[in-house]
Amino acid sequence: MLRSLKFVAIALATLLVVEPAIAQYQPNNRAPTILRKLVPPVVKPNLSLLPNVRIKPSQAAAIAQAQVPYSKVVKVKLLPRGDYAVTLVADGNVTRVIVDGQDGSVN
């Protein structure tokens, strides 16, 4: 009986000491803002400003991938003249394919 009373007394004392600390606890929301600063935002080109671009970057990637069998698309870049430069990797070899932004033909 005396042992259980000691246990209850210790538990109550712990709650009285810890409760104010728990009430003041605020989660640390700094971590996501730090991560947002490290990761640059994704910038998508505004295709409406380029009247000579009719195909999407995903379409250009698919066209370029059809030219190089078993390849993986690494990067798709819109060139100033309205063409897409698609960088592909196949078997460790890096290949760059230029896809016309107007009709999708490969240059």
PDB file of N, CA and C in Angstrom:
ATOM      1  N   MET A   1       0.824  -1.191   0.000  1.00  0.00           N
ATOM      2  CA  MET A   1       0.000   0.000   0.000  1.00  0.00           C
ATOM      3  C   MET A   1       0.870   1.257   0.000  1.00  0.00           C
ATOM      4  N   LEU A   2       1.894   1.253   0.830  1.00  0.00           N
ATOM      5  CA  LEU A   2       2.776   2.406   0.920  1.00  0.00           C
ATOM      6  C   LEU A   2       3.530   2.615  -0.395  1.00  0.00           C
ATOM      7  N   ARG A   3       3.877   1.508  -1.055  1.00  0.00           N
ATOM      8  CA  ARG A   3       4.588   1.583  -2.333  1.00  0.00           C
ATOM      9  C   ARG A   3       3.710   2.237  -3.402  1.00  0.00           C
ATOM     10  N   SER A   4       2.423   1.889  -3.471  1.00  0.00           N
ATOM     11  CA  SER A   4       1.529   2.484  -4.467  1.00  0.00           C
ATOM     12  C   SER A   4       1.274   3.953  -4.168  1.00  0.00           C
ATOM     13  N   LEU A   5       1.237   4.350  -2.907  1.00  0.00           N
ATOM     14  CA  LEU A   5       1.072   5.767  -2.562  1.00  0.00           C
ATOM     15  C   LEU A   5       2.291   6.583  -2.982  1.00  0.00           C
ATOM     16  N   LYS A   6       3.492   5.996  -2.844  1.00  0.00           N
ATOM     17  CA  LYS A   6       4.696   6.686  -3.301  1.00  0.00           C
ATOM     18  C   LYS A   6       4.642   6.898  -4.812  1.00  0.00           C
ATOM     19  N   PHE A   7       4.198   5.857  -5.508  1.00  0.00           N
ATOM     20  CA  PHE A   7       4.101   5.963  -6.963  1.00  0.00           C
ATOM     21  C   PHE A   7       3.123   7.059  -7.381  1.00  0.00           C
ATOM     22  N   VAL A   8       1.954   7.124  -6.720  1.00  0.00           N
ATOM     23  CA  VAL A   8       0.956   8.140  -7.038  1.00  0.00           C
ATOM     24  C   VAL A   8       1.493   9.517  -6.705  1.00  0.00           C
ATOM     25  N   ALA A   9       2.202   9.655  -5.612  1.00  0.00           N
ATOM     26  CA  ALA A   9       2.759  10.953  -5.220  1.00  0.00           C
ATOM     27  C   ALA A   9       3.808  11.413  -6.232  1.00  0.00           C
ATOM     28  N   ILE A  10       4.654  10.488  -6.703  1.00  0.00           N
ATOM     29  CA  ILE A  10       5.669  10.848  -7.693  1.00  0.00           C
ATOM     30  C   ILE A  10       5.017  11.230  -9.020  1.00  0.00           C
ATOM     31  N   ALA A  11       3.978  10.507  -9.401  1.00  0.00           N
ATOM     32  CA  ALA A  11       3.286  10.812 -10.650  1.00  0.00           C
ATOM     33  C   ALA A  11       2.623  12.179 -10.584  1.00  0.00           C
ATOM     34  N   LEU A  12       1.981  12.521  -9.489  1.00  0.00           N
ATOM     35  CA  LEU A  12       1.350  13.833  -9.345  1.00  0.00           C
ATOM     36  C   LEU A  12       2.387  14.947  -9.328  1.00  0.00           C
ATOM     37  N   ALA A  13       3.503  14.743  -8.656  1.00  0.00           N
ATOM     38  CA  ALA A  13       4.556  15.754  -8.625  1.00  0.00           C
ATOM     39  C   ALA A  13       5.125  15.980 -10.022  1.00  0.00           C
ATOM     40  N   THR A  14       5.297  14.907 -10.778  1.00  0.00           N
ATOM     41  CA  THR A  14       5.798  15.030 -12.144  1.00  0.00           C
ATOM     42  C   THR A  14       4.819  15.804 -13.018  1.00  0.00           C
ATOM     43  N   LEU A  15       3.538  15.524 -12.885  1.00  0.00           N
ATOM     44  CA  LEU A  15       2.536  16.247 -13.673  1.00  0.00           C
ATOM     45  C   LEU A  15       2.518  17.727 -13.321  1.00  0.00           C
ATOM     46  N   LEU A  16       2.657  18.052 -12.047  1.00  0.00           N
ATOM     47  CA  LEU A  16       2.648  19.456 -11.644  1.00  0.00           C
ATOM     48  C   LEU A  16       3.857  20.204 -12.192  1.00  0.00           C
ATOM     49  N   VAL A  17       4.984  19.540 -12.308  1.00  0.00           N
ATOM     50  CA  VAL A  17       6.197  20.174 -12.810  1.00  0.00           C
ATOM     51  C   VAL A  17       6.178  20.266 -14.339  1.00  0.00           C
ATOM     52  N   VAL A  18       5.704  19.232 -15.019  1.00  0.00           N
ATOM     53  CA  VAL A  18       5.789  19.146 -16.477  1.00  0.00           C
ATOM     54  C   VAL A  18       4.652  19.881 -17.182  1.00  0.00           C
ATOM     55  N   GLU A  19       3.505  20.015 -16.563  1.00  0.00           N
ATOM     56  CA  GLU A  19       2.346  20.608 -17.232  1.00  0.00           C
ATOM     57  C   GLU A  19       2.597  22.025 -17.747  1.00  0.00           C
ATOM     58  N   PRO A  20       3.206  22.950 -16.988  1.00  0.00           N
ATOM     59  CA  PRO A  20       3.463  24.284 -17.551  1.00  0.00           C
ATOM     60  C   PRO A  20       4.401  24.237 -18.754  1.00  0.00           C
ATOM     61  N   ALA A  21       5.363  23.334 -18.731  1.00  0.00           N
ATOM     62  CA  ALA A  21       6.279  23.226 -19.868  1.00  0.00           C
ATOM     63  C   ALA A  21       5.544  22.738 -21.108  1.00  0.00           C
ATOM     64  N   ILE A  22       4.628  21.804 -20.942  1.00  0.00           N
ATOM     65  CA  ILE A  22       3.853  21.302 -22.074  1.00  0.00           C
ATOM     66  C   ILE A  22       2.935  22.388 -22.621  1.00  0.00           C
ATOM     67  N   ALA A  23       2.367  23.209 -21.745  1.00  0.00           N
ATOM     68  CA  ALA A  23       1.463  24.270 -22.190  1.00  0.00           C
ATOM     69  C   ALA A  23       2.197  25.329 -23.005  1.00  0.00           C
ATOM     70  N   GLN A  24       3.477  25.533 -22.733  1.00  0.00           N
ATOM     71  CA  GLN A  24       4.251  26.551 -23.447  1.00  0.00           C
ATOM     72  C   GLN A  24       4.906  26.014 -24.714  1.00  0.00           C
ATOM     73  N   TYR A  25       4.814  24.727 -24.950  1.00  0.00           N
ATOM     74  CA  TYR A  25       5.460  24.117 -26.107  1.00  0.00           C
ATOM     75  C   TYR A  25       4.830  24.612 -27.397  1.00  0.00           C
ATOM     76  N   GLN A  26       5.658  25.036 -28.322  1.00  0.00           N
ATOM     77  CA  GLN A  26       5.209  25.407 -29.659  1.00  0.00           C
ATOM     78  C   GLN A  26       6.038  24.602 -30.658  1.00  0.00           C
ATOM     79  N   PRO A  27       5.388  24.015 -31.630  1.00  0.00           N
ATOM     80  CA  PRO A  27       6.154  23.223 -32.598  1.00  0.00           C
ATOM     81  C   PRO A  27       7.111  24.113 -33.387  1.00  0.00           C
ATOM     82  N   ASN A  28       8.217  23.537 -33.780  1.00  0.00           N
ATOM     83  CA  ASN A  28       9.228  24.271 -34.533  1.00  0.00           C
ATOM     84  C   ASN A  28       8.817  24.320 -36.003  1.00  0.00           C
ATOM     85  N   ASN A  29       8.344  25.474 -36.445  1.00  0.00           N
ATOM     86  CA  ASN A  29       7.929  25.647 -37.843  1.00  0.00           C
ATOM     87  C   ASN A  29       9.033  26.253 -38.691  1.00  0.00           C
ATOM     88  N   ARG A  30      10.242  26.366 -38.152  1.00  0.00           N
ATOM     89  CA  ARG A  30      11.343  26.955 -38.901  1.00  0.00           C
ATOM     90  C   ARG A  30      11.881  26.024 -39.980  1.00  0.00           C
ATOM     91  N   ALA A  31      11.830  24.739 -39.742  1.00  0.00           N
ATOM     92  CA  ALA A  31      12.439  23.790 -40.674  1.00  0.00           C
ATOM     93  C   ALA A  31      11.872  23.903 -42.093  1.00  0.00           C
ATOM     94  N   PRO A  32      10.540  23.960 -42.293  1.00  0.00           N
ATOM     95  CA  PRO A  32      10.058  24.068 -43.670  1.00  0.00           C
ATOM     96  C   PRO A  32      10.510  25.346 -44.371  1.00  0.00           C
ATOM     97  N   THR A  33      10.616  26.468 -43.641  1.00  0.00           N
ATOM     98  CA  THR A  33      11.056  27.702 -44.294  1.00  0.00           C
ATOM     99  C   THR A  33      12.517  27.600 -44.690  1.00  0.00           C
ATOM    100  N   ILE A  34      13.314  26.910 -43.891  1.00  0.00           N
ATOM    101  CA  ILE A  34      14.713  26.720 -44.262  1.00  0.00           C
ATOM    102  C   ILE A  34      14.801  25.876 -45.525  1.00  0.00           C
ATOM    103  N   LEU A  35      13.993  24.820 -45.605  1.00  0.00           N
ATOM    104  CA  LEU A  35      14.014  23.969 -46.794  1.00  0.00           C
ATOM    105  C   LEU A  35      13.526  24.724 -48.020  1.00  0.00           C
ATOM    106  N   ARG A  36      12.540  25.605 -47.837  1.00  0.00           N
ATOM    107  CA  ARG A  36      12.042  26.371 -48.981  1.00  0.00           C
ATOM    108  C   ARG A  36      13.116  27.289 -49.531  1.00  0.00           C
ATOM    109  N   LYS A  37      14.001  27.799 -48.662  1.00  0.00           N
ATOM    110  CA  LYS A  37      15.071  28.673 -49.125  1.00  0.00           C
ATOM    111  C   LYS A  37      16.138  27.895 -49.880  1.00  0.00           C
ATOM    112  N   LEU A  38      16.340  26.629 -49.517  1.00  0.00           N
ATOM    113  CA  LEU A  38      17.368  25.836 -50.173  1.00  0.00           C
ATOM    114  C   LEU A  38      16.949  25.329 -51.544  1.00  0.00           C
ATOM    115  N   VAL A  39      15.670  25.044 -51.726  1.00  0.00           N
ATOM    116  CA  VAL A  39      15.179  24.495 -52.983  1.00  0.00           C
ATOM    117  C   VAL A  39      14.683  25.648 -53.858  1.00  0.00           C
ATOM    118  N   PRO A  40      15.290  25.847 -55.026  1.00  0.00           N
ATOM    119  CA  PRO A  40      14.831  26.945 -55.880  1.00  0.00           C
ATOM    120  C   PRO A  40      13.447  26.643 -56.448  1.00  0.00           C
ATOM    121  N   PRO A  41      12.652  27.681 -56.668  1.00  0.00           N
ATOM    122  CA  PRO A  41      11.318  27.453 -57.231  1.00  0.00           C
ATOM    123  C   PRO A  41      11.418  27.007 -58.694  1.00  0.00           C
ATOM    124  N   VAL A  42      10.452  26.212 -59.102  1.00  0.00           N
ATOM    125  CA  VAL A  42      10.411  25.743 -60.487  1.00  0.00           C
ATOM    126  C   VAL A  42       9.841  26.862 -61.349  1.00  0.00           C
ATOM    127  N   VAL A  43      10.571  27.216 -62.380  1.00  0.00           N
ATOM    128  CA  VAL A  43      10.141  28.279 -63.279  1.00  0.00           C
ATOM    129  C   VAL A  43       9.704  27.640 -64.590  1.00  0.00           C
ATOM    130  N   LYS A  44       8.454  27.841 -64.936  1.00  0.00           N
ATOM    131  CA  LYS A  44       7.944  27.307 -66.196  1.00  0.00           C
ATOM    132  C   LYS A  44       7.869  28.455 -67.201  1.00  0.00           C
ATOM    133  N   PRO A  45       8.299  28.228 -68.426  1.00  0.00           N
ATOM    134  CA  PRO A  45       8.240  29.303 -69.415  1.00  0.00           C
ATOM    135  C   PRO A  45       6.798  29.610 -69.796  1.00  0.00           C
ATOM    136  N   ASN A  46       6.532  30.874 -70.020  1.00  0.00           N
ATOM    137  CA  ASN A  46       5.200  31.293 -70.450  1.00  0.00           C
ATOM    138  C   ASN A  46       5.124  31.114 -71.964  1.00  0.00           C
ATOM    139  N   LEU A  47       4.475  30.043 -72.387  1.00  0.00           N
ATOM    140  CA  LEU A  47       4.432  29.714 -73.806  1.00  0.00           C
ATOM    141  C   LEU A  47       3.553  30.660 -74.608  1.00  0.00           C
ATOM    142  N   SER A  48       2.677  31.387 -73.931  1.00  0.00           N
ATOM    143  CA  SER A  48       1.821  32.318 -74.666  1.00  0.00           C
ATOM    144  C   SER A  48       2.613  33.520 -75.175  1.00  0.00           C
ATOM    145  N   LEU A  49       3.762  33.809 -74.574  1.00  0.00           N
ATOM    146  CA  LEU A  49       4.584  34.921 -75.038  1.00  0.00           C
ATOM    147  C   LEU A  49       5.375  34.561 -76.293  1.00  0.00           C
ATOM    148  N   LEU A  50       5.508  33.266 -76.570  1.00  0.00           N
ATOM    149  CA  LEU A  50       6.217  32.819 -77.759  1.00  0.00           C
ATOM    150  C   LEU A  50       5.196  32.298 -78.767  1.00  0.00           C
ATOM    151  N   PRO A  51       4.835  33.082 -79.759  1.00  0.00           N
ATOM    152  CA  PRO A  51       3.797  32.657 -80.699  1.00  0.00           C
ATOM    153  C   PRO A  51       4.212  31.486 -81.572  1.00  0.00           C
ATOM    154  N   ASN A  52       5.517  31.247 -81.728  1.00  0.00           N
ATOM    155  CA  ASN A  52       5.939  30.179 -82.618  1.00  0.00           C
ATOM    156  C   ASN A  52       6.103  28.834 -81.901  1.00  0.00           C
ATOM    157  N   VAL A  53       5.693  28.714 -80.651  1.00  0.00           N
ATOM    158  CA  VAL A  53       5.765  27.448 -79.916  1.00  0.00           C
ATOM    159  C   VAL A  53       4.360  26.870 -79.831  1.00  0.00           C
ATOM    160  N   ARG A  54       4.177  25.694 -80.418  1.00  0.00           N
ATOM    161  CA  ARG A  54       2.856  25.061 -80.406  1.00  0.00           C
ATOM    162  C   ARG A  54       2.829  23.760 -79.625  1.00  0.00           C
ATOM    163  N   ILE A  55       3.990  23.156 -79.400  1.00  0.00           N
ATOM    164  CA  ILE A  55       3.996  21.897 -78.669  1.00  0.00           C
ATOM    165  C   ILE A  55       4.488  22.135 -77.244  1.00  0.00           C
ATOM    166  N   LYS A  56       4.091  21.249 -76.338  1.00  0.00           N
ATOM    167  CA  LYS A  56       4.458  21.358 -74.933  1.00  0.00           C
ATOM    168  C   LYS A  56       5.815  20.693 -74.700  1.00  0.00           C
ATOM    169  N   PRO A  57       6.479  21.045 -73.588  1.00  0.00           N
ATOM    170  CA  PRO A  57       7.763  20.402 -73.284  1.00  0.00           C
ATOM    171  C   PRO A  57       7.654  18.880 -73.148  1.00  0.00           C
ATOM    172  N   SER A  58       6.545  18.399 -72.602  1.00  0.00           N
ATOM    173  CA  SER A  58       6.379  16.946 -72.464  1.00  0.00           C
ATOM    174  C   SER A  58       6.266  16.276 -73.837  1.00  0.00           C
ATOM    175  N   GLN A  59       5.638  16.962 -74.787  1.00  0.00           N
ATOM    176  CA  GLN A  59       5.548  16.416 -76.141  1.00  0.00           C
ATOM    177  C   GLN A  59       6.926  16.398 -76.805  1.00  0.00           C
ATOM    178  N   ALA A  60       7.697  17.458 -76.591  1.00  0.00           N
ATOM    179  CA  ALA A  60       9.049  17.507 -77.151  1.00  0.00           C
ATOM    180  C   ALA A  60       9.909  16.390 -76.564  1.00  0.00           C
ATOM    181  N   ALA A  61       9.745  16.118 -75.271  1.00  0.00           N
ATOM    182  CA  ALA A  61      10.501  15.038 -74.634  1.00  0.00           C
ATOM    183  C   ALA A  61      10.121  13.688 -75.216  1.00  0.00           C
ATOM    184  N   ALA A  62       8.834  13.476 -75.464  1.00  0.00           N
ATOM    185  CA  ALA A  62       8.384  12.208 -76.040  1.00  0.00           C
ATOM    186  C   ALA A  62       8.909  12.028 -77.465  1.00  0.00           C
ATOM    187  N   ILE A  63       8.924  13.100 -78.239  1.00  0.00           N
ATOM    188  CA  ILE A  63       9.430  13.031 -79.616  1.00  0.00           C
ATOM    189  C   ILE A  63      10.922  12.705 -79.604  1.00  0.00           C
ATOM    190  N   ALA A  64      11.666  13.363 -78.714  1.00  0.00           N
ATOM    191  CA  ALA A  64      13.108  13.121 -78.636  1.00  0.00           C
ATOM    192  C   ALA A  64      13.403  11.710 -78.144  1.00  0.00           C
ATOM    193  N   GLN A  65      12.613  11.221 -77.197  1.00  0.00           N
ATOM    194  CA  GLN A  65      12.818   9.875 -76.671  1.00  0.00           C
ATOM    195  C   GLN A  65      12.560   8.813 -77.746  1.00  0.00           C
ATOM    196  N   ALA A  66      11.659   9.112 -78.665  1.00  0.00           N
ATOM    197  CA  ALA A  66      11.394   8.177 -79.758  1.00  0.00           C
ATOM    198  C   ALA A  66      12.597   8.084 -80.703  1.00  0.00           C
ATOM    199  N   GLN A  67      13.409   9.129 -80.755  1.00  0.00           N
ATOM    200  CA  GLN A  67      14.579   9.134 -81.635  1.00  0.00           C
ATOM    201  C   GLN A  67      15.736   8.319 -81.062  1.00  0.00           C
ATOM    202  N   VAL A  68      15.838   8.264 -79.721  1.00  0.00           N
ATOM    203  CA  VAL A  68      16.933   7.544 -79.062  1.00  0.00           C
ATOM    204  C   VAL A  68      16.314   6.409 -78.248  1.00  0.00           C
ATOM    205  N   PRO A  69      16.426   5.171 -78.703  1.00  0.00           N
ATOM    206  CA  PRO A  69      15.790   4.054 -78.001  1.00  0.00           C
ATOM    207  C   PRO A  69      16.382   3.830 -76.602  1.00  0.00           C
ATOM    208  N   TYR A  70      15.537   3.410 -75.670  1.00  0.00           N
ATOM    209  CA  TYR A  70      15.914   3.095 -74.290  1.00  0.00           C
ATOM    210  C   TYR A  70      16.605   4.262 -73.583  1.00  0.00           C
ATOM    211  N   SER A  71      16.170   5.464 -73.873  1.00  0.00           N
ATOM    212  CA  SER A  71      16.797   6.636 -73.268  1.00  0.00           C
ATOM    213  C   SER A  71      15.909   7.196 -72.154  1.00  0.00           C
ATOM    214  N   LYS A  72      16.521   8.034 -71.331  1.00  0.00           N
ATOM    215  CA  LYS A  72      15.822   8.698 -70.239  1.00  0.00           C
ATOM    216  C   LYS A  72      16.018  10.201 -70.407  1.00  0.00           C
ATOM    217  N   VAL A  73      14.925  10.962 -70.273  1.00  0.00           N
ATOM    218  CA  VAL A  73      14.996  12.415 -70.418  1.00  0.00           C
ATOM    219  C   VAL A  73      15.610  13.003 -69.160  1.00  0.00           C
ATOM    220  N   VAL A  74      16.660  13.810 -69.347  1.00  0.00           N
ATOM    221  CA  VAL A  74      17.316  14.472 -68.225  1.00  0.00           C
ATOM    222  C   VAL A  74      16.848  15.908 -68.106  1.00  0.00           C
ATOM    223  N   LYS A  75      16.712  16.598 -69.251  1.00  0.00           N
ATOM    224  CA  LYS A  75      16.385  18.023 -69.221  1.00  0.00           C
ATOM    225  C   LYS A  75      15.707  18.423 -70.523  1.00  0.00           C
ATOM    226  N   VAL A  76      14.737  19.322 -70.390  1.00  0.00           N
ATOM    227  CA  VAL A  76      14.090  19.920 -71.562  1.00  0.00           C
ATOM    228  C   VAL A  76      14.223  21.423 -71.408  1.00  0.00           C
ATOM    229  N   LYS A  77      14.832  22.054 -72.404  1.00  0.00           N
ATOM    230  CA  LYS A  77      15.073  23.494 -72.330  1.00  0.00           C
ATOM    231  C   LYS A  77      14.489  24.172 -73.561  1.00  0.00           C
ATOM    232  N   LEU A  78      13.753  25.260 -73.327  1.00  0.00           N
ATOM    233  CA  LEU A  78      13.196  26.045 -74.423  1.00  0.00           C
ATOM    234  C   LEU A  78      14.237  27.055 -74.881  1.00  0.00           C
ATOM    235  N   LEU A  79      14.628  26.968 -76.133  1.00  0.00           N
ATOM    236  CA  LEU A  79      15.626  27.873 -76.693  1.00  0.00           C
ATOM    237  C   LEU A  79      14.962  29.176 -77.130  1.00  0.00           C
ATOM    238  N   PRO A  80      15.715  30.257 -77.221  1.00  0.00           N
ATOM    239  CA  PRO A  80      15.124  31.563 -77.577  1.00  0.00           C
ATOM    240  C   PRO A  80      14.403  31.579 -78.925  1.00  0.00           C
ATOM    241  N   ARG A  81      14.821  30.765 -79.851  1.00  0.00           N
ATOM    242  CA  ARG A  81      14.182  30.788 -81.171  1.00  0.00           C
ATOM    243  C   ARG A  81      12.901  29.950 -81.219  1.00  0.00           C
ATOM    244  N   GLY A  82      12.548  29.306 -80.094  1.00  0.00           N
ATOM    245  CA  GLY A  82      11.301  28.555 -80.023  1.00  0.00           C
ATOM    246  C   GLY A  82      11.444  27.057 -80.171  1.00  0.00           C
ATOM    247  N   ASP A  83      12.671  26.562 -80.258  1.00  0.00           N
ATOM    248  CA  ASP A  83      12.909  25.128 -80.325  1.00  0.00           C
ATOM    249  C   ASP A  83      13.180  24.594 -78.926  1.00  0.00           C
ATOM    250  N   TYR A  84      13.074  23.281 -78.780  1.00  0.00           N
ATOM    251  CA  TYR A  84      13.374  22.626 -77.510  1.00  0.00           C
ATOM    252  C   TYR A  84      14.675  21.858 -77.640  1.00  0.00           C
ATOM    253  N   ALA A  85      15.552  22.009 -76.675  1.00  0.00           N
ATOM    254  CA  ALA A  85      16.758  21.194 -76.583  1.00  0.00           C
ATOM    255  C   ALA A  85      16.491  20.149 -75.511  1.00  0.00           C
ATOM    256  N   VAL A  86      16.406  18.894 -75.916  1.00  0.00           N
ATOM    257  CA  VAL A  86      16.101  17.794 -75.004  1.00  0.00           C
ATOM    258  C   VAL A  86      17.378  16.999 -74.786  1.00  0.00           C
ATOM    259  N   THR A  87      17.795  16.896 -73.532  1.00  0.00           N
ATOM    260  CA  THR A  87      18.984  16.134 -73.176  1.00  0.00           C
ATOM    261  C   THR A  87      18.552  14.750 -72.715  1.00  0.00           C
ATOM    262  N   LEU A  88      19.151  13.724 -73.322  1.00  0.00           N
ATOM    263  CA  LEU A  88      18.801  12.334 -73.037  1.00  0.00           C
ATOM    264  C   LEU A  88      20.043  11.568 -72.604  1.00  0.00           C
ATOM    265  N   VAL A  89      19.832  10.513 -71.808  1.00  0.00           N
ATOM    266  CA  VAL A  89      20.916   9.602 -71.432  1.00  0.00           C
ATOM    267  C   VAL A  89      20.479   8.192 -71.785  1.00  0.00           C
ATOM    268  N   ALA A  90      21.347   7.497 -72.516  1.00  0.00           N
ATOM    269  CA  ALA A  90      21.097   6.098 -72.877  1.00  0.00           C
ATOM    270  C   ALA A  90      22.415   5.350 -72.760  1.00  0.00           C
ATOM    271  N   ASP A  91      22.461   4.339 -71.907  1.00  0.00           N
ATOM    272  CA  ASP A  91      23.661   3.518 -71.699  1.00  0.00           C
ATOM    273  C   ASP A  91      24.880   4.367 -71.323  1.00  0.00           C
ATOM    274  N   GLY A  92      24.679   5.400 -70.539  1.00  0.00           N
ATOM    275  CA  GLY A  92      25.778   6.249 -70.108  1.00  0.00           C
ATOM    276  C   GLY A  92      26.182   7.313 -71.115  1.00  0.00           C
ATOM    277  N   ASN A  93      25.582   7.325 -72.295  1.00  0.00           N
ATOM    278  CA  ASN A  93      25.891   8.324 -73.318  1.00  0.00           C
ATOM    279  C   ASN A  93      24.870   9.446 -73.260  1.00  0.00           C
ATOM    280  N   VAL A  94      25.353  10.678 -73.248  1.00  0.00           N
ATOM    281  CA  VAL A  94      24.480  11.847 -73.219  1.00  0.00           C
ATOM    282  C   VAL A  94      24.252  12.305 -74.650  1.00  0.00           C
ATOM    283  N   THR A  95      22.983  12.485 -75.004  1.00  0.00           N
ATOM    284  CA  THR A  95      22.608  12.919 -76.349  1.00  0.00           C
ATOM    285  C   THR A  95      21.697  14.124 -76.235  1.00  0.00           C
ATOM    286  N   ARG A  96      21.887  15.081 -77.123  1.00  0.00           N
ATOM    287  CA  ARG A  96      21.022  16.259 -77.159  1.00  0.00           C
ATOM    288  C   ARG A  96      20.273  16.263 -78.484  1.00  0.00           C
ATOM    289  N   VAL A  97      18.958  16.356 -78.376  1.00  0.00           N
ATOM    290  CA  VAL A  97      18.097  16.366 -79.559  1.00  0.00           C
ATOM    291  C   VAL A  97      17.375  17.708 -79.592  1.00  0.00           C
ATOM    292  N   ILE A  98      17.389  18.360 -80.746  1.00  0.00           N
ATOM    293  CA  ILE A  98      16.688  19.626 -80.935  1.00  0.00           C
ATOM    294  C   ILE A  98      15.358  19.330 -81.612  1.00  0.00           C
ATOM    295  N   VAL A  99      14.266  19.717 -80.938  1.00  0.00           N
ATOM    296  CA  VAL A  99      12.912  19.488 -81.449  1.00  0.00           C
ATOM    297  C   VAL A  99      12.301  20.840 -81.801  1.00  0.00           C
ATOM    298  N   ASP A 100      11.777  20.939 -83.000  1.00  0.00           N
ATOM    299  CA  ASP A 100      11.142  22.192 -83.448  1.00  0.00           C
ATOM    300  C   ASP A 100       9.889  22.445 -82.611  1.00  0.00           C
ATOM    301  N   GLY A 101       9.776  23.632 -82.042  1.00  0.00           N
ATOM    302  CA  GLY A 101       8.634  23.971 -81.194  1.00  0.00           C
ATOM    303  C   GLY A 101       7.367  24.233 -81.978  1.00  0.00           C
ATOM    304  N   GLN A 102       7.465  24.433 -83.272  1.00  0.00           N
ATOM    305  CA  GLN A 102       6.304  24.724 -84.109  1.00  0.00           C
ATOM    306  C   GLN A 102       5.590  23.443 -84.528  1.00  0.00           C
ATOM    307  N   ASP A 103       6.330  22.496 -85.114  1.00  0.00           N
ATOM    308  CA  ASP A 103       5.683  21.304 -85.670  1.00  0.00           C
ATOM    309  C   ASP A 103       6.174  19.989 -85.060  1.00  0.00           C
ATOM    310  N   GLY A 104       7.197  20.028 -84.203  1.00  0.00           N
ATOM    311  CA  GLY A 104       7.678  18.812 -83.562  1.00  0.00           C
ATOM    312  C   GLY A 104       8.678  18.025 -84.369  1.00  0.00           C
ATOM    313  N   SER A 105       9.177  18.578 -85.428  1.00  0.00           N
ATOM    314  CA  SER A 105      10.172  17.854 -86.218  1.00  0.00           C
ATOM    315  C   SER A 105      11.521  17.908 -85.516  1.00  0.00           C
ATOM    316  N   VAL A 106      12.343  16.894 -85.788  1.00  0.00           N
ATOM    317  CA  VAL A 106      13.656  16.797 -85.178  1.00  0.00           C
ATOM    318  C   VAL A 106      14.691  17.389 -86.127  1.00  0.00           C
ATOM    319  N   ASN A 107      15.501  18.299 -85.589  1.00  0.00           N
ATOM    320  CA  ASN A 107      16.548  18.931 -86.411  1.00  0.00           C
ATOM    321  C   ASN A 107      17.849  18.196 -86.238  1.00  0.00           C
TER     322      ASN A 107
END
